Amino acid sequence: MLWQRLLCGSLQSFVDFFESFGLRLVCCNVTGANAFIVAGRHAGLFAGVPKEAEKVFMPPDYNSSLRRGHGPVPRSIDHFLGKK
């Protein structure tokens, strides 16, 4: 299966590989963990997106999850530490 051969690689290596199948990179998510590729026949829908991978690339943001969610609840922390 194709996906079993694609375990890791640079974004550019994926772009080169997928272009050989008529696919195009259109987006990377803000955390840099996902790239979105569409069939070439849909490329016109993304005319405003640069064709160069280095202009679409988003660097990894390993701490993005630390800025989301709710803050700590002191009562819960005390409970888990056995202070209650």
C-alpha atoms as a PDB file:
ATOM      1  CA  MET A   1       0.000   0.000   0.000  1.00  0.00           C
ATOM      2  CA  LEU A   2       1.242   3.497  -0.858  1.00  0.00           C
ATOM      3  CA  TRP A   3       0.873   4.910   2.681  1.00  0.00           C
ATOM      4  CA  GLN A   4       2.977   2.138   4.171  1.00  0.00           C
ATOM      5  CA  ARG A   5       5.959   3.458   2.198  1.00  0.00           C
ATOM      6  CA  LEU A   6       5.443   7.058   3.328  1.00  0.00           C
ATOM      7  CA  LEU A   7       6.520   6.967   6.940  1.00  0.00           C
ATOM      8  CA  CYS A   8       8.434  10.225   7.142  1.00  0.00           C
ATOM      9  CA  GLY A   9      10.220  12.756   5.017  1.00  0.00           C
ATOM     10  CA  SER A  10      10.581  16.423   4.298  1.00  0.00           C
ATOM     11  CA  LEU A  11       7.644  18.413   3.059  1.00  0.00           C
ATOM     12  CA  GLN A  12       9.449  18.974  -0.238  1.00  0.00           C
ATOM     13  CA  SER A  13       9.983  15.222  -0.697  1.00  0.00           C
ATOM     14  CA  PHE A  14       6.242  14.665  -0.239  1.00  0.00           C
ATOM     15  CA  VAL A  15       5.418  17.502  -2.646  1.00  0.00           C
ATOM     16  CA  ASP A  16       7.753  16.015  -5.271  1.00  0.00           C
ATOM     17  CA  PHE A  17       6.283  12.561  -4.767  1.00  0.00           C
ATOM     18  CA  PHE A  18       2.643  13.645  -4.924  1.00  0.00           C
ATOM     19  CA  GLU A  19       3.246  15.903  -7.932  1.00  0.00           C
ATOM     20  CA  SER A  20       4.230  12.786  -9.854  1.00  0.00           C
ATOM     21  CA  PHE A  21       0.608  11.649  -9.318  1.00  0.00           C
ATOM     22  CA  GLY A  22      -0.894  15.000 -10.363  1.00  0.00           C
ATOM     23  CA  LEU A  23      -1.514  16.194  -6.800  1.00  0.00           C
ATOM     24  CA  ARG A  24      -0.698  19.611  -5.316  1.00  0.00           C
ATOM     25  CA  LEU A  25       0.107  20.941  -1.848  1.00  0.00           C
ATOM     26  CA  VAL A  26      -2.382  23.641  -0.848  1.00  0.00           C
ATOM     27  CA  CYS A  27      -1.986  24.099   2.901  1.00  0.00           C
ATOM     28  CA  CYS A  28      -0.107  23.200   6.078  1.00  0.00           C
ATOM     29  CA  ASN A  29      -1.850  23.544   9.412  1.00  0.00           C
ATOM     30  CA  VAL A  30      -0.689  26.012  12.042  1.00  0.00           C
ATOM     31  CA  THR A  31       1.138  23.369  14.112  1.00  0.00           C
ATOM     32  CA  GLY A  32       3.151  22.189  11.114  1.00  0.00           C
ATOM     33  CA  ALA A  33       1.971  18.620  11.657  1.00  0.00           C
ATOM     34  CA  ASN A  34      -0.323  18.219   8.644  1.00  0.00           C
ATOM     35  CA  ALA A  35      -0.080  18.999   4.951  1.00  0.00           C
ATOM     36  CA  PHE A  36      -3.148  19.133   2.734  1.00  0.00           C
ATOM     37  CA  ILE A  37      -2.896  17.972  -0.849  1.00  0.00           C
ATOM     38  CA  VAL A  38      -5.563  18.088  -3.565  1.00  0.00           C
ATOM     39  CA  ALA A  39      -5.985  16.585  -6.996  1.00  0.00           C
ATOM     40  CA  GLY A  40      -4.553  18.781  -9.740  1.00  0.00           C
ATOM     41  CA  ARG A  41      -8.002  19.189 -11.293  1.00  0.00           C
ATOM     42  CA  HIS A  42      -8.988  21.175  -8.190  1.00  0.00           C
ATOM     43  CA  ALA A  43      -5.871  23.369  -8.186  1.00  0.00           C
ATOM     44  CA  GLY A  44      -7.819  26.263  -9.720  1.00  0.00           C
ATOM     45  CA  LEU A  45      -9.835  26.480  -6.513  1.00  0.00           C
ATOM     46  CA  PHE A  46      -6.597  27.354  -4.728  1.00  0.00           C
ATOM     47  CA  ALA A  47      -5.257  29.925  -7.195  1.00  0.00           C
ATOM     48  CA  GLY A  48      -4.213  32.237  -4.342  1.00  0.00           C
ATOM     49  CA  VAL A  49      -2.030  29.596  -2.724  1.00  0.00           C
ATOM     50  CA  PRO A  50       1.673  29.754  -3.638  1.00  0.00           C
ATOM     51  CA  LYS A  51       2.954  26.767  -5.610  1.00  0.00           C
ATOM     52  CA  GLU A  52       6.291  26.731  -3.771  1.00  0.00           C
ATOM     53  CA  ALA A  53       6.354  24.432  -0.735  1.00  0.00           C
ATOM     54  CA  GLU A  54       8.605  26.803   1.218  1.00  0.00           C
ATOM     55  CA  LYS A  55       5.882  29.490   1.027  1.00  0.00           C
ATOM     56  CA  VAL A  56       3.173  27.111   2.298  1.00  0.00           C
ATOM     57  CA  PHE A  57       5.356  25.436   4.953  1.00  0.00           C
ATOM     58  CA  MET A  58       4.567  26.032   8.629  1.00  0.00           C
ATOM     59  CA  PRO A  59       7.360  25.243  11.095  1.00  0.00           C
ATOM     60  CA  PRO A  60       6.587  22.750  13.870  1.00  0.00           C
ATOM     61  CA  ASP A  61       4.971  24.255  16.961  1.00  0.00           C
ATOM     62  CA  TYR A  62       5.339  21.575  19.603  1.00  0.00           C
ATOM     63  CA  ASN A  63       3.957  23.820  22.339  1.00  0.00           C
ATOM     64  CA  SER A  64       0.716  24.851  20.645  1.00  0.00           C
ATOM     65  CA  SER A  65      -1.331  22.586  22.900  1.00  0.00           C
ATOM     66  CA  LEU A  66       0.094  24.296  25.983  1.00  0.00           C
ATOM     67  CA  ARG A  67      -1.738  27.505  25.094  1.00  0.00           C
ATOM     68  CA  ARG A  68      -5.157  25.919  24.730  1.00  0.00           C
ATOM     69  CA  GLY A  69      -7.714  24.512  27.076  1.00  0.00           C
ATOM     70  CA  HIS A  70      -8.723  25.633  30.502  1.00  0.00           C
ATOM     71  CA  GLY A  71      -6.380  26.701  33.237  1.00  0.00           C
ATOM     72  CA  PRO A  72      -5.508  24.597  36.277  1.00  0.00           C
ATOM     73  CA  VAL A  73      -8.118  24.088  38.961  1.00  0.00           C
ATOM     74  CA  PRO A  74      -6.365  24.315  42.361  1.00  0.00           C
ATOM     75  CA  ARG A  75      -9.008  22.146  44.068  1.00  0.00           C
ATOM     76  CA  SER A  76      -8.354  19.333  41.570  1.00  0.00           C
ATOM     77  CA  ILE A  77      -4.588  19.641  41.960  1.00  0.00           C
ATOM     78  CA  ASP A  78      -4.920  19.418  45.741  1.00  0.00           C
ATOM     79  CA  HIS A  79      -7.144  16.362  45.355  1.00  0.00           C
ATOM     80  CA  PHE A  80      -4.642  14.564  43.083  1.00  0.00           C
ATOM     81  CA  LEU A  81      -1.775  15.392  45.435  1.00  0.00           C
ATOM     82  CA  GLY A  82      -3.756  14.034  48.392  1.00  0.00           C
ATOM     83  CA  LYS A  83      -3.934  17.394  50.155  1.00  0.00           C
ATOM     84  CA  LYS A  84      -7.676  17.248  50.662  1.00  0.00           C
END
